PDB file of N, CA and C in Angstrom:
ATOM      1  N   MET A   1     -25.445   9.907 -62.564  1.00  0.00           N
ATOM      2  CA  MET A   1     -25.215   8.560 -61.882  1.00  0.00           C
ATOM      3  C   MET A   1     -23.751   8.433 -61.510  1.00  0.00           C
ATOM      4  N   ILE A   2     -23.527   7.902 -60.292  1.00  0.00           N
ATOM      5  CA  ILE A   2     -22.052   7.508 -59.947  1.00  0.00           C
ATOM      6  C   ILE A   2     -21.859   6.181 -60.077  1.00  0.00           C
ATOM      7  N   LEU A   3     -20.794   5.667 -60.696  1.00  0.00           N
ATOM      8  CA  LEU A   3     -20.561   4.273 -60.811  1.00  0.00           C
ATOM      9  C   LEU A   3     -19.613   3.783 -59.693  1.00  0.00           C
ATOM     10  N   ASP A   4     -19.920   2.684 -59.171  1.00  0.00           N
ATOM     11  CA  ASP A   4     -19.217   2.142 -58.061  1.00  0.00           C
ATOM     12  C   ASP A   4     -18.484   0.913 -58.561  1.00  0.00           C
ATOM     13  N   ASN A   5     -17.459   0.983 -59.309  1.00  0.00           N
ATOM     14  CA  ASN A   5     -16.842  -0.216 -59.965  1.00  0.00           C
ATOM     15  C   ASN A   5     -15.506  -0.427 -59.261  1.00  0.00           C
ATOM     16  N   ARG A   6     -14.921  -1.590 -59.271  1.00  0.00           N
ATOM     17  CA  ARG A   6     -13.655  -2.017 -58.733  1.00  0.00           C
ATOM     18  C   ARG A   6     -12.965  -2.840 -59.827  1.00  0.00           C
ATOM     19  N   ASN A   7     -11.688  -2.509 -60.275  1.00  0.00           N
ATOM     20  CA  ASN A   7     -11.007  -3.346 -61.256  1.00  0.00           C
ATOM     21  C   ASN A   7      -9.675  -3.774 -60.700  1.00  0.00           C
ATOM     22  N   HIS A   8      -9.269  -4.920 -61.070  1.00  0.00           N
ATOM     23  CA  HIS A   8      -7.865  -5.385 -60.675  1.00  0.00           C
ATOM     24  C   HIS A   8      -6.726  -4.821 -61.327  1.00  0.00           C
ATOM     25  N   TYR A   9      -6.865  -4.241 -62.556  1.00  0.00           N
ATOM     26  CA  TYR A   9      -5.990  -3.718 -63.423  1.00  0.00           C
ATOM     27  C   TYR A   9      -4.669  -4.540 -63.703  1.00  0.00           C
ATOM     28  N   LEU A  10      -5.008  -5.770 -63.838  1.00  0.00           N
ATOM     29  CA  LEU A  10      -3.993  -6.695 -64.338  1.00  0.00           C
ATOM     30  C   LEU A  10      -3.817  -6.898 -65.836  1.00  0.00           C
ATOM     31  N   SER A  11      -2.659  -7.155 -66.210  1.00  0.00           N
ATOM     32  CA  SER A  11      -2.569  -7.300 -67.799  1.00  0.00           C
ATOM     33  C   SER A  11      -2.957  -8.891 -68.009  1.00  0.00           C
ATOM     34  N   CYS A  12      -3.184  -9.221 -69.446  1.00  0.00           N
ATOM     35  CA  CYS A  12      -3.586 -10.401 -69.867  1.00  0.00           C
ATOM     36  C   CYS A  12      -2.506 -11.530 -69.332  1.00  0.00           C
ATOM     37  N   GLU A  13      -1.235 -11.197 -69.467  1.00  0.00           N
ATOM     38  CA  GLU A  13      -0.174 -12.122 -68.977  1.00  0.00           C
ATOM     39  C   GLU A  13      -0.253 -12.381 -67.548  1.00  0.00           C
ATOM     40  N   GLN A  14      -0.803 -11.629 -66.634  1.00  0.00           N
ATOM     41  CA  GLN A  14      -1.043 -11.802 -65.272  1.00  0.00           C
ATOM     42  C   GLN A  14      -2.357 -12.650 -65.093  1.00  0.00           C
ATOM     43  N   LEU A  15      -3.118 -12.740 -65.780  1.00  0.00           N
ATOM     44  CA  LEU A  15      -4.426 -13.424 -65.657  1.00  0.00           C
ATOM     45  C   LEU A  15      -4.323 -14.980 -65.463  1.00  0.00           C
ATOM     46  N   PRO A  16      -4.948 -15.759 -64.836  1.00  0.00           N
ATOM     47  CA  PRO A  16      -4.983 -17.293 -64.948  1.00  0.00           C
ATOM     48  C   PRO A  16      -5.588 -17.653 -66.120  1.00  0.00           C
ATOM     49  N   LEU A  17      -5.461 -18.907 -66.577  1.00  0.00           N
ATOM     50  CA  LEU A  17      -5.865 -19.533 -67.617  1.00  0.00           C
ATOM     51  C   LEU A  17      -7.493 -19.786 -67.439  1.00  0.00           C
ATOM     52  N   GLU A  18      -7.987 -19.578 -68.674  1.00  0.00           N
ATOM     53  CA  GLU A  18      -9.442 -19.733 -68.751  1.00  0.00           C
ATOM     54  C   GLU A  18     -10.026 -20.976 -67.942  1.00  0.00           C
ATOM     55  N   ALA A  19      -9.317 -22.079 -68.171  1.00  0.00           N
ATOM     56  CA  ALA A  19      -9.648 -23.421 -67.500  1.00  0.00           C
ATOM     57  C   ALA A  19      -9.726 -23.415 -65.981  1.00  0.00           C
ATOM     58  N   GLU A  20      -8.541 -22.481 -65.505  1.00  0.00           N
ATOM     59  CA  GLU A  20      -8.464 -22.387 -64.145  1.00  0.00           C
ATOM     60  C   GLU A  20      -9.711 -21.580 -63.362  1.00  0.00           C
ATOM     61  N   ALA A  21     -10.199 -20.521 -64.132  1.00  0.00           N
ATOM     62  CA  ALA A  21     -11.314 -19.835 -63.711  1.00  0.00           C
ATOM     63  C   ALA A  21     -12.555 -20.662 -63.873  1.00  0.00           C
ATOM     64  N   ILE A  22     -12.677 -21.394 -64.799  1.00  0.00           N
ATOM     65  CA  ILE A  22     -13.889 -22.347 -65.051  1.00  0.00           C
ATOM     66  C   ILE A  22     -13.911 -23.340 -63.765  1.00  0.00           C
ATOM     67  N   GLN A  23     -12.673 -23.833 -63.469  1.00  0.00           N
ATOM     68  CA  GLN A  23     -12.672 -24.864 -62.391  1.00  0.00           C
ATOM     69  C   GLN A  23     -13.201 -24.316 -61.090  1.00  0.00           C
ATOM     70  N   VAL A  24     -12.606 -23.072 -60.768  1.00  0.00           N
ATOM     71  CA  VAL A  24     -12.810 -22.314 -59.518  1.00  0.00           C
ATOM     72  C   VAL A  24     -14.418 -22.067 -59.476  1.00  0.00           C
ATOM     73  N   LEU A  25     -14.875 -21.472 -60.542  1.00  0.00           N
ATOM     74  CA  LEU A  25     -16.322 -21.221 -60.681  1.00  0.00           C
ATOM     75  C   LEU A  25     -17.098 -22.568 -60.321  1.00  0.00           C
ATOM     76  N   ASP A  26     -16.811 -23.632 -60.939  1.00  0.00           N
ATOM     77  CA  ASP A  26     -17.529 -24.907 -60.806  1.00  0.00           C
ATOM     78  C   ASP A  26     -17.333 -25.402 -59.190  1.00  0.00           C
ATOM     79  N   GLU A  27     -16.170 -25.274 -58.690  1.00  0.00           N
ATOM     80  CA  GLU A  27     -15.996 -25.591 -57.402  1.00  0.00           C
ATOM     81  C   GLU A  27     -16.513 -24.774 -56.335  1.00  0.00           C
ATOM     82  N   HIS A  28     -16.947 -23.643 -56.598  1.00  0.00           N
ATOM     83  CA  HIS A  28     -17.332 -22.646 -55.673  1.00  0.00           C
ATOM     84  C   HIS A  28     -18.890 -22.268 -55.985  1.00  0.00           C
ATOM     85  N   GLN A  29     -19.737 -23.043 -56.412  1.00  0.00           N
ATOM     86  CA  GLN A  29     -20.996 -22.714 -56.771  1.00  0.00           C
ATOM     87  C   GLN A  29     -21.849 -22.141 -55.672  1.00  0.00           C
ATOM     88  N   ASP A  30     -21.512 -22.820 -54.322  1.00  0.00           N
ATOM     89  CA  ASP A  30     -22.178 -22.244 -53.192  1.00  0.00           C
ATOM     90  C   ASP A  30     -21.930 -20.853 -53.033  1.00  0.00           C
ATOM     91  N   ALA A  31     -20.754 -20.259 -53.084  1.00  0.00           N
ATOM     92  CA  ALA A  31     -20.551 -18.821 -52.783  1.00  0.00           C
ATOM     93  C   ALA A  31     -21.096 -18.061 -54.124  1.00  0.00           C
ATOM     94  N   ILE A  32     -20.997 -18.535 -55.277  1.00  0.00           N
ATOM     95  CA  ILE A  32     -21.808 -17.771 -56.301  1.00  0.00           C
ATOM     96  C   ILE A  32     -23.252 -17.793 -56.021  1.00  0.00           C
ATOM     97  N   LYS A  33     -23.854 -18.799 -55.704  1.00  0.00           N
ATOM     98  CA  LYS A  33     -25.245 -18.774 -55.419  1.00  0.00           C
ATOM     99  C   LYS A  33     -25.642 -17.682 -54.220  1.00  0.00           C
ATOM    100  N   LYS A  34     -24.787 -17.758 -53.177  1.00  0.00           N
ATOM    101  CA  LYS A  34     -24.799 -16.849 -52.130  1.00  0.00           C
ATOM    102  C   LYS A  34     -24.843 -15.338 -52.546  1.00  0.00           C
ATOM    103  N   ILE A  35     -23.931 -15.061 -53.412  1.00  0.00           N
ATOM    104  CA  ILE A  35     -23.725 -13.826 -54.041  1.00  0.00           C
ATOM    105  C   ILE A  35     -24.947 -13.398 -54.680  1.00  0.00           C
ATOM    106  N   LYS A  36     -25.533 -14.371 -55.605  1.00  0.00           N
ATOM    107  CA  LYS A  36     -26.536 -13.905 -56.559  1.00  0.00           C
ATOM    108  C   LYS A  36     -27.752 -13.849 -55.686  1.00  0.00           C
ATOM    109  N   GLN A  37     -27.844 -14.419 -54.408  1.00  0.00           N
ATOM    110  CA  GLN A  37     -29.078 -14.273 -53.721  1.00  0.00           C
ATOM    111  C   GLN A  37     -29.267 -12.853 -52.810  1.00  0.00           C
ATOM    112  N   ILE A  38     -28.041 -12.147 -52.993  1.00  0.00           N
ATOM    113  CA  ILE A  38     -28.014 -10.868 -52.241  1.00  0.00           C
ATOM    114  C   ILE A  38     -29.098  -9.865 -52.813  1.00  0.00           C
ATOM    115  N   ASN A  39     -29.434  -9.967 -54.056  1.00  0.00           N
ATOM    116  CA  ASN A  39     -30.416  -9.008 -54.847  1.00  0.00           C
ATOM    117  C   ASN A  39     -30.868  -9.711 -55.979  1.00  0.00           C
ATOM    118  N   PRO A  40     -31.511 -10.867 -56.046  1.00  0.00           N
ATOM    119  CA  PRO A  40     -31.818 -11.587 -57.397  1.00  0.00           C
ATOM    120  C   PRO A  40     -32.330 -10.611 -58.265  1.00  0.00           C
ATOM    121  N   GLY A  41     -31.611 -10.906 -59.562  1.00  0.00           N
ATOM    122  CA  GLY A  41     -31.961 -10.129 -60.745  1.00  0.00           C
ATOM    123  C   GLY A  41     -30.968  -8.826 -60.799  1.00  0.00           C
ATOM    124  N   PHE A  42     -30.499  -8.594 -59.689  1.00  0.00           N
ATOM    125  CA  PHE A  42     -29.732  -7.233 -59.878  1.00  0.00           C
ATOM    126  C   PHE A  42     -28.246  -7.467 -59.385  1.00  0.00           C
ATOM    127  N   VAL A  43     -27.929  -8.764 -59.148  1.00  0.00           N
ATOM    128  CA  VAL A  43     -26.591  -9.231 -58.713  1.00  0.00           C
ATOM    129  C   VAL A  43     -26.258 -10.459 -59.594  1.00  0.00           C
ATOM    130  N   GLY A  44     -25.150 -10.461 -60.142  1.00  0.00           N
ATOM    131  CA  GLY A  44     -24.784 -11.782 -60.969  1.00  0.00           C
ATOM    132  C   GLY A  44     -23.158 -11.829 -60.914  1.00  0.00           C
ATOM    133  N   ALA A  45     -22.813 -13.007 -61.609  1.00  0.00           N
ATOM    134  CA  ALA A  45     -21.554 -13.545 -61.704  1.00  0.00           C
ATOM    135  C   ALA A  45     -21.148 -13.889 -62.935  1.00  0.00           C
ATOM    136  N   GLU A  46     -20.070 -13.753 -63.581  1.00  0.00           N
ATOM    137  CA  GLU A  46     -19.828 -14.493 -64.881  1.00  0.00           C
ATOM    138  C   GLU A  46     -18.299 -14.357 -65.114  1.00  0.00           C
ATOM    139  N   MET A  47     -17.732 -15.357 -65.885  1.00  0.00           N
ATOM    140  CA  MET A  47     -16.395 -15.415 -66.247  1.00  0.00           C
ATOM    141  C   MET A  47     -16.284 -14.549 -67.529  1.00  0.00           C
ATOM    142  N   ASP A  48     -15.162 -13.890 -67.658  1.00  0.00           N
ATOM    143  CA  ASP A  48     -14.880 -12.994 -68.656  1.00  0.00           C
ATOM    144  C   ASP A  48     -13.628 -13.495 -69.404  1.00  0.00           C
ATOM    145  N   ALA A  49     -13.643 -14.214 -70.471  1.00  0.00           N
ATOM    146  CA  ALA A  49     -12.470 -14.507 -71.212  1.00  0.00           C
ATOM    147  C   ALA A  49     -12.394 -13.680 -72.589  1.00  0.00           C
ATOM    148  N   SER A  50     -13.407 -12.811 -72.636  1.00  0.00           N
ATOM    149  CA  SER A  50     -13.386 -11.984 -74.033  1.00  0.00           C
ATOM    150  C   SER A  50     -12.344 -11.111 -74.327  1.00  0.00           C
ATOM    151  N   THR A  51     -11.637 -10.463 -73.159  1.00  0.00           N
ATOM    152  CA  THR A  51     -10.719  -9.485 -73.230  1.00  0.00           C
ATOM    153  C   THR A  51      -9.424 -10.131 -73.615  1.00  0.00           C
ATOM    154  N   CYS A  52      -9.163 -11.340 -72.883  1.00  0.00           N
ATOM    155  CA  CYS A  52      -7.759 -11.916 -73.205  1.00  0.00           C
ATOM    156  C   CYS A  52      -8.010 -13.372 -73.411  1.00  0.00           C
ATOM    157  N   PRO A  53      -7.868 -13.785 -74.801  1.00  0.00           N
ATOM    158  CA  PRO A  53      -8.236 -15.090 -75.204  1.00  0.00           C
ATOM    159  C   PRO A  53      -7.270 -16.116 -74.494  1.00  0.00           C
ATOM    160  N   GLY A  54      -7.835 -17.102 -73.886  1.00  0.00           N
ATOM    161  CA  GLY A  54      -7.247 -18.145 -73.268  1.00  0.00           C
ATOM    162  C   GLY A  54      -7.000 -17.756 -71.697  1.00  0.00           C
ATOM    163  N   LYS A  55      -7.272 -16.577 -71.341  1.00  0.00           N
ATOM    164  CA  LYS A  55      -7.158 -16.084 -70.057  1.00  0.00           C
ATOM    165  C   LYS A  55      -8.499 -15.555 -69.683  1.00  0.00           C
ATOM    166  N   ALA A  56      -8.701 -15.593 -68.226  1.00  0.00           N
ATOM    167  CA  ALA A  56     -10.018 -15.103 -67.694  1.00  0.00           C
ATOM    168  C   ALA A  56      -9.763 -14.542 -66.254  1.00  0.00           C
ATOM    169  N   ASP A  57     -10.732 -13.790 -65.981  1.00  0.00           N
ATOM    170  CA  ASP A  57     -11.284 -13.232 -64.620  1.00  0.00           C
ATOM    171  C   ASP A  57     -12.605 -13.297 -64.430  1.00  0.00           C
ATOM    172  N   ILE A  58     -12.916 -12.991 -63.094  1.00  0.00           N
ATOM    173  CA  ILE A  58     -14.490 -13.193 -62.904  1.00  0.00           C
ATOM    174  C   ILE A  58     -15.279 -11.612 -62.668  1.00  0.00           C
ATOM    175  N   LEU A  59     -16.174 -11.499 -63.282  1.00  0.00           N
ATOM    176  CA  LEU A  59     -16.911 -10.258 -63.233  1.00  0.00           C
ATOM    177  C   LEU A  59     -18.183 -10.376 -62.336  1.00  0.00           C
ATOM    178  N   PHE A  60     -18.200  -9.722 -61.196  1.00  0.00           N
ATOM    179  CA  PHE A  60     -19.433  -9.729 -60.511  1.00  0.00           C
ATOM    180  C   PHE A  60     -20.231  -8.277 -60.856  1.00  0.00           C
ATOM    181  N   TRP A  61     -21.393  -8.334 -61.081  1.00  0.00           N
ATOM    182  CA  TRP A  61     -22.140  -7.058 -61.318  1.00  0.00           C
ATOM    183  C   TRP A  61     -23.332  -6.968 -60.336  1.00  0.00           C
ATOM    184  N   TYR A  62     -23.757  -5.696 -60.058  1.00  0.00           N
ATOM    185  CA  TYR A  62     -24.633  -5.471 -59.050  1.00  0.00           C
ATOM    186  C   TYR A  62     -25.400  -3.986 -59.332  1.00  0.00           C
ATOM    187  N   GLY A  63     -26.391  -3.793 -58.610  1.00  0.00           N
ATOM    188  CA  GLY A  63     -27.211  -2.686 -58.842  1.00  0.00           C
ATOM    189  C   GLY A  63     -26.848  -1.475 -57.826  1.00  0.00           C
ATOM    190  N   SER A  64     -26.371  -1.644 -56.581  1.00  0.00           N
ATOM    191  CA  SER A  64     -26.118  -0.611 -55.715  1.00  0.00           C
ATOM    192  C   SER A  64     -25.000  -0.844 -54.834  1.00  0.00           C
ATOM    193  N   HIS A  65     -24.462   0.340 -54.229  1.00  0.00           N
ATOM    194  CA  HIS A  65     -23.206   0.256 -53.437  1.00  0.00           C
ATOM    195  C   HIS A  65     -23.539  -0.788 -52.160  1.00  0.00           C
ATOM    196  N   LYS A  66     -24.734  -0.931 -51.817  1.00  0.00           N
ATOM    197  CA  LYS A  66     -24.961  -1.898 -50.673  1.00  0.00           C
ATOM    198  C   LYS A  66     -24.782  -3.323 -51.054  1.00  0.00           C
ATOM    199  N   ASP A  67     -25.150  -3.473 -52.508  1.00  0.00           N
ATOM    200  CA  ASP A  67     -24.982  -4.827 -52.985  1.00  0.00           C
ATOM    201  C   ASP A  67     -23.419  -5.143 -53.073  1.00  0.00           C
ATOM    202  N   ARG A  68     -22.747  -4.201 -53.523  1.00  0.00           N
ATOM    203  CA  ARG A  68     -21.156  -4.294 -53.711  1.00  0.00           C
ATOM    204  C   ARG A  68     -20.618  -4.532 -52.239  1.00  0.00           C
ATOM    205  N   LEU A  69     -20.938  -4.066 -51.152  1.00  0.00           N
ATOM    206  CA  LEU A  69     -20.491  -4.352 -49.999  1.00  0.00           C
ATOM    207  C   LEU A  69     -20.726  -5.605 -49.442  1.00  0.00           C
ATOM    208  N   LEU A  70     -21.983  -6.096 -49.749  1.00  0.00           N
ATOM    209  CA  LEU A  70     -22.219  -7.462 -49.396  1.00  0.00           C
ATOM    210  C   LEU A  70     -21.446  -8.532 -50.080  1.00  0.00           C
ATOM    211  N   ILE A  71     -21.293  -8.123 -51.425  1.00  0.00           N
ATOM    212  CA  ILE A  71     -20.531  -9.155 -52.372  1.00  0.00           C
ATOM    213  C   ILE A  71     -19.036  -9.249 -51.795  1.00  0.00           C
ATOM    214  N   GLU A  72     -18.388  -8.109 -51.522  1.00  0.00           N
ATOM    215  CA  GLU A  72     -17.229  -7.897 -50.852  1.00  0.00           C
ATOM    216  C   GLU A  72     -17.007  -8.934 -49.590  1.00  0.00           C
ATOM    217  N   ASP A  73     -18.066  -8.609 -48.747  1.00  0.00           N
ATOM    218  CA  ASP A  73     -18.122  -9.383 -47.358  1.00  0.00           C
ATOM    219  C   ASP A  73     -17.959 -10.720 -47.725  1.00  0.00           C
ATOM    220  N   ILE A  74     -18.814 -11.361 -48.652  1.00  0.00           N
ATOM    221  CA  ILE A  74     -18.796 -12.783 -49.095  1.00  0.00           C
ATOM    222  C   ILE A  74     -17.427 -13.225 -49.542  1.00  0.00           C
ATOM    223  N   ILE A  75     -16.844 -12.561 -50.486  1.00  0.00           N
ATOM    224  CA  ILE A  75     -15.649 -12.953 -51.019  1.00  0.00           C
ATOM    225  C   ILE A  75     -14.512 -12.951 -50.025  1.00  0.00           C
ATOM    226  N   ALA A  76     -14.444 -11.705 -49.290  1.00  0.00           N
ATOM    227  CA  ALA A  76     -13.548 -11.632 -48.188  1.00  0.00           C
ATOM    228  C   ALA A  76     -11.973 -11.670 -48.641  1.00  0.00           C
ATOM    229  N   SER A  77     -11.661 -11.204 -49.733  1.00  0.00           N
ATOM    230  CA  SER A  77     -10.419 -11.533 -50.311  1.00  0.00           C
ATOM    231  C   SER A  77     -10.301 -10.598 -51.553  1.00  0.00           C
ATOM    232  N   GLU A  78      -8.832 -10.503 -51.757  1.00  0.00           N
ATOM    233  CA  GLU A  78      -8.621  -9.764 -53.023  1.00  0.00           C
ATOM    234  C   GLU A  78      -8.818 -10.443 -54.288  1.00  0.00           C
ATOM    235  N   THR A  79      -8.885 -11.963 -54.338  1.00  0.00           N
ATOM    236  CA  THR A  79      -9.340 -12.689 -55.343  1.00  0.00           C
ATOM    237  C   THR A  79     -10.417 -13.468 -54.918  1.00  0.00           C
ATOM    238  N   PHE A  80     -11.121 -14.214 -55.892  1.00  0.00           N
ATOM    239  CA  PHE A  80     -12.204 -15.039 -55.713  1.00  0.00           C
ATOM    240  C   PHE A  80     -11.591 -16.516 -55.785  1.00  0.00           C
ATOM    241  N   TYR A  81     -11.167 -16.996 -54.637  1.00  0.00           N
ATOM    242  CA  TYR A  81     -10.310 -18.322 -54.522  1.00  0.00           C
ATOM    243  C   TYR A  81      -9.190 -18.355 -55.587  1.00  0.00           C
ATOM    244  N   GLY A  82      -8.633 -17.377 -55.520  1.00  0.00           N
ATOM    245  CA  GLY A  82      -7.354 -17.193 -56.406  1.00  0.00           C
ATOM    246  C   GLY A  82      -7.552 -16.562 -57.815  1.00  0.00           C
ATOM    247  N   ILE A  83      -8.655 -16.420 -58.064  1.00  0.00           N
ATOM    248  CA  ILE A  83      -9.041 -15.794 -59.607  1.00  0.00           C
ATOM    249  C   ILE A  83      -9.250 -14.306 -59.330  1.00  0.00           C
ATOM    250  N   PRO A  84      -8.542 -13.434 -60.165  1.00  0.00           N
ATOM    251  CA  PRO A  84      -8.875 -11.923 -59.970  1.00  0.00           C
ATOM    252  C   PRO A  84     -10.343 -11.829 -60.371  1.00  0.00           C
ATOM    253  N   TYR A  85     -10.901 -10.759 -59.631  1.00  0.00           N
ATOM    254  CA  TYR A  85     -12.340 -10.330 -60.054  1.00  0.00           C
ATOM    255  C   TYR A  85     -12.445  -8.887 -60.086  1.00  0.00           C
ATOM    256  N   ARG A  86     -13.467  -8.372 -60.794  1.00  0.00           N
ATOM    257  CA  ARG A  86     -13.919  -7.039 -61.148  1.00  0.00           C
ATOM    258  C   ARG A  86     -15.403  -6.994 -60.525  1.00  0.00           C
ATOM    259  N   LEU A  87     -15.622  -5.832 -60.002  1.00  0.00           N
ATOM    260  CA  LEU A  87     -17.002  -5.492 -59.611  1.00  0.00           C
ATOM    261  C   LEU A  87     -17.463  -4.337 -60.350  1.00  0.00           C
ATOM    262  N   GLU A  88     -18.696  -4.621 -61.005  1.00  0.00           N
ATOM    263  CA  GLU A  88     -19.292  -3.506 -61.993  1.00  0.00           C
ATOM    264  C   GLU A  88     -20.640  -3.286 -61.426  1.00  0.00           C
ATOM    265  N   ASN A  89     -20.850  -1.862 -61.388  1.00  0.00           N
ATOM    266  CA  ASN A  89     -22.025  -1.330 -60.924  1.00  0.00           C
ATOM    267  C   ASN A  89     -22.935  -1.224 -62.299  1.00  0.00           C
ATOM    268  N   ARG A  90     -24.026  -1.872 -62.518  1.00  0.00           N
ATOM    269  CA  ARG A  90     -24.801  -1.694 -63.758  1.00  0.00           C
ATOM    270  C   ARG A  90     -26.057  -0.993 -63.578  1.00  0.00           C
TER     271      ARG A  90
END
């Protein structure tokens, strides 16, 4: 199996505060919904604050390279509205 992941490689100090990530996710639920509709059940989004307490990024997970390309088309930026994100093929 070939994994098709993308990481931002930022340190904990470089990540935004968890509250900022929560706010961005809340404000952009329309984009999150659009991403999840790419392939329901096989595409999702979640905030990850487990690695760096008090700091967070966003994890988008997906089942295929095609899903990843569609996610990247929707986001169309190196960040998700200013929040670093990772892409994980599951």
